[in-house]
Amino acid sequence: MKILKTSLVLLFIGINFVAQSQIKVYNFDQLEPLLHQENDTTYVINFWATWCLPCVKELPAFDKFNRENQSRKFKMLLVSLDFGKDVIKKLEEYKLKHNLSPEIVLLDDPDANAWIPKIDKEWSGAIPATLIYRNKKWQFYGHSFTYDELKKEIEKFIN
């Protein structure tokens, strides 16, 4: 009986964990409202992919800043541009393997020529790319960050 109870508890925890690790999938029309929130929160939106080496290299900086600033009016969103078979499973595994704290969503919208200029008119579509904003103050960065660079830029919006 004890083994059965333990198994049921572990099964419940496992189901609950899987449910919490779901990656949301958006097309650009669904994602766009997240790029234009008007409140007293600073938003950091990072466009990346698991196959992009500069993206992967900078993710620890984003994760570290996110963990250190969870008590502040701050929201970080990692927007994956990954594609292919089992992409959701691969993203969930990547998030777990690297213990990433920011929310990850998948942008699944093949019409990049339409949505890229809506984020920034000068953006070529190259990643990594990051958008930091708070209300009407908005800055787009078409390069990767170190932790110190990222912190410096975000602090301009939070303070």
Protein backbone atom coordinates (compact mmCIF):
# COMPACT_ATOMS: atom_id res chain seq x y z
CA MET A 1 0.00 0.00 0.00
CA LYS A 2 2.84 2.40 0.87
CA ILE A 3 4.49 1.74 -2.50
CA LEU A 4 1.20 2.44 -4.29
CA LYS A 5 0.75 5.75 -2.43
CA THR A 6 4.33 6.75 -3.18
CA SER A 7 3.87 5.84 -6.85
CA LEU A 8 0.66 7.86 -7.07
CA VAL A 9 2.32 10.88 -5.45
CA LEU A 10 5.27 10.65 -7.86
CA LEU A 11 2.88 10.25 -10.80
CA PHE A 12 0.93 13.34 -9.68
CA ILE A 13 4.13 15.36 -9.27
CA GLY A 14 5.31 14.21 -12.70
CA ILE A 15 2.02 15.12 -14.37
CA ASN A 16 1.96 18.47 -12.59
CA PHE A 17 5.57 19.18 -13.62
CA VAL A 18 4.88 18.35 -17.27
CA ALA A 19 1.78 20.56 -17.25
CA GLN A 20 3.82 23.46 -15.85
CA SER A 21 6.59 23.07 -18.39
CA GLN A 22 4.32 23.60 -21.42
CA ILE A 23 5.71 25.98 -24.02
CA LYS A 24 3.06 28.29 -25.47
CA VAL A 25 2.96 28.63 -29.25
CA TYR A 26 2.07 31.97 -30.81
CA ASN A 27 1.77 33.40 -34.27
CA PHE A 28 2.85 37.04 -34.49
CA ASP A 29 -0.68 38.43 -34.06
CA GLN A 30 -0.92 36.54 -30.76
CA LEU A 31 2.56 37.59 -29.63
CA GLU A 32 2.28 41.26 -30.61
CA PRO A 33 0.18 42.37 -27.58
CA LEU A 34 3.02 41.13 -25.33
CA LEU A 35 5.28 43.66 -27.06
CA HIS A 36 3.09 46.63 -26.17
CA GLN A 37 2.09 46.40 -22.50
CA GLU A 38 1.54 49.79 -20.89
CA ASN A 39 2.08 49.57 -17.14
CA ASP A 40 4.88 50.07 -14.62
CA THR A 41 6.64 46.81 -15.53
CA THR A 42 9.84 46.61 -17.57
CA TYR A 43 9.72 43.95 -20.29
CA VAL A 44 12.68 42.16 -21.84
CA ILE A 45 11.83 40.14 -24.94
CA ASN A 46 14.69 38.07 -26.34
CA PHE A 47 14.47 36.44 -29.78
CA TRP A 48 16.67 33.35 -29.94
CA ALA A 49 16.94 29.72 -31.05
CA THR A 50 18.65 26.63 -29.69
CA TRP A 51 20.65 26.28 -32.93
CA CYS A 52 22.05 29.83 -32.67
CA LEU A 53 25.42 29.74 -30.89
CA PRO A 54 25.50 33.44 -29.88
CA CYS A 55 21.94 33.04 -28.55
CA VAL A 56 22.82 30.04 -26.45
CA LYS A 57 25.98 31.75 -25.21
CA GLU A 58 24.05 34.77 -23.88
CA LEU A 59 21.16 32.85 -22.27
CA PRO A 60 22.93 32.42 -18.91
CA ALA A 61 23.13 36.23 -18.64
CA PHE A 62 19.38 36.53 -19.21
CA ASP A 63 18.67 33.74 -16.76
CA LYS A 64 20.91 35.27 -14.09
CA PHE A 65 19.30 38.70 -14.41
CA ASN A 66 15.83 37.15 -14.33
CA ARG A 67 16.60 35.19 -11.14
CA GLU A 68 18.16 38.18 -9.40
CA ASN A 69 15.28 40.53 -10.17
CA GLN A 70 12.14 38.47 -9.61
CA SER A 71 10.97 40.79 -6.84
CA ARG A 72 11.06 43.85 -9.13
CA LYS A 73 8.45 45.01 -11.66
CA PHE A 74 10.15 43.12 -14.42
CA LYS A 75 9.13 40.42 -16.92
CA MET A 76 11.41 38.45 -19.22
CA LEU A 77 10.21 36.43 -22.17
CA LEU A 78 12.42 34.24 -24.35
CA VAL A 79 10.83 33.98 -27.79
CA SER A 80 12.16 30.92 -29.57
CA LEU A 81 12.41 30.95 -33.34
CA ASP A 82 13.18 27.22 -33.42
CA PHE A 83 11.37 25.04 -35.93
CA GLY A 84 11.12 21.46 -37.05
CA LYS A 85 9.80 18.17 -35.81
CA ASP A 86 9.15 17.90 -32.06
CA VAL A 87 10.17 21.53 -31.50
CA ILE A 88 8.06 21.89 -28.34
CA LYS A 89 9.59 18.77 -26.80
CA LYS A 90 13.08 19.98 -27.71
CA LEU A 91 12.43 23.40 -26.13
CA GLU A 92 11.04 21.84 -22.95
CA GLU A 93 14.08 19.56 -22.71
CA TYR A 94 16.41 22.50 -23.33
CA LYS A 95 14.74 24.59 -20.64
CA LEU A 96 14.97 21.75 -18.12
CA LYS A 97 18.55 20.80 -19.02
CA HIS A 98 19.75 24.41 -18.60
CA ASN A 99 17.39 25.19 -15.70
CA LEU A 100 16.19 28.40 -17.39
CA SER A 101 13.94 30.57 -15.24
CA PRO A 102 12.44 32.95 -17.85
CA GLU A 103 9.25 31.98 -19.62
CA ILE A 104 9.85 30.52 -23.08
CA VAL A 105 7.35 30.77 -25.92
CA LEU A 106 7.61 29.60 -29.50
CA LEU A 107 6.94 32.06 -32.31
CA ASP A 108 5.54 29.90 -35.09
CA ASP A 109 4.83 32.36 -37.89
CA PRO A 110 6.43 31.66 -41.26
CA ASP A 111 5.76 35.17 -42.63
CA ALA A 112 8.90 36.70 -41.10
CA ASN A 113 9.00 39.41 -43.77
CA ALA A 114 5.71 40.72 -42.37
CA TRP A 115 6.41 40.57 -38.63
CA ILE A 116 10.13 41.42 -38.38
CA PRO A 117 9.69 45.10 -39.37
CA LYS A 118 6.82 45.38 -36.87
CA ILE A 119 9.32 44.71 -34.11
CA ASP A 120 11.96 47.06 -35.51
CA LYS A 121 12.10 48.61 -38.98
CA GLU A 122 15.90 48.23 -39.11
CA TRP A 123 16.00 44.61 -37.89
CA SER A 124 17.36 42.19 -40.50
CA GLY A 125 15.91 39.22 -38.64
CA ALA A 126 19.31 38.07 -37.37
CA ILE A 127 19.36 36.62 -33.86
CA PRO A 128 19.97 37.04 -31.05
CA ALA A 129 17.88 40.18 -30.81
CA THR A 130 16.36 41.80 -27.76
CA LEU A 131 13.62 44.30 -27.14
CA ILE A 132 13.51 46.16 -23.81
CA TYR A 133 10.60 48.44 -23.05
CA ARG A 134 8.51 50.08 -20.40
CA ASN A 135 5.37 51.91 -21.49
CA LYS A 136 6.37 54.12 -24.43
CA LYS A 137 10.15 53.87 -23.82
CA TRP A 138 11.37 51.22 -26.25
CA GLN A 139 14.82 50.03 -27.35
CA PHE A 140 15.74 47.29 -29.80
CA TYR A 141 19.16 45.59 -29.73
CA GLY A 142 20.35 43.48 -32.67
CA HIS A 143 23.32 41.92 -30.89
CA SER A 144 24.19 39.56 -28.06
CA PHE A 145 24.84 40.62 -24.46
CA THR A 146 27.17 39.82 -21.62
CA TYR A 147 25.61 39.90 -18.17
CA ASP A 148 27.04 43.34 -17.35
CA GLU A 149 25.88 44.83 -20.66
CA LEU A 150 22.40 43.38 -20.24
CA LYS A 151 22.10 44.60 -16.67
CA LYS A 152 23.22 48.11 -17.64
CA GLU A 153 20.63 48.35 -20.43
CA ILE A 154 17.73 46.94 -18.40
CA GLU A 155 18.53 49.22 -15.45
CA LYS A 156 17.93 52.22 -17.74
CA PHE A 157 14.30 51.12 -17.92
CA ILE A 158 13.71 49.91 -14.38
CA ASN A 159 15.11 53.00 -12.63
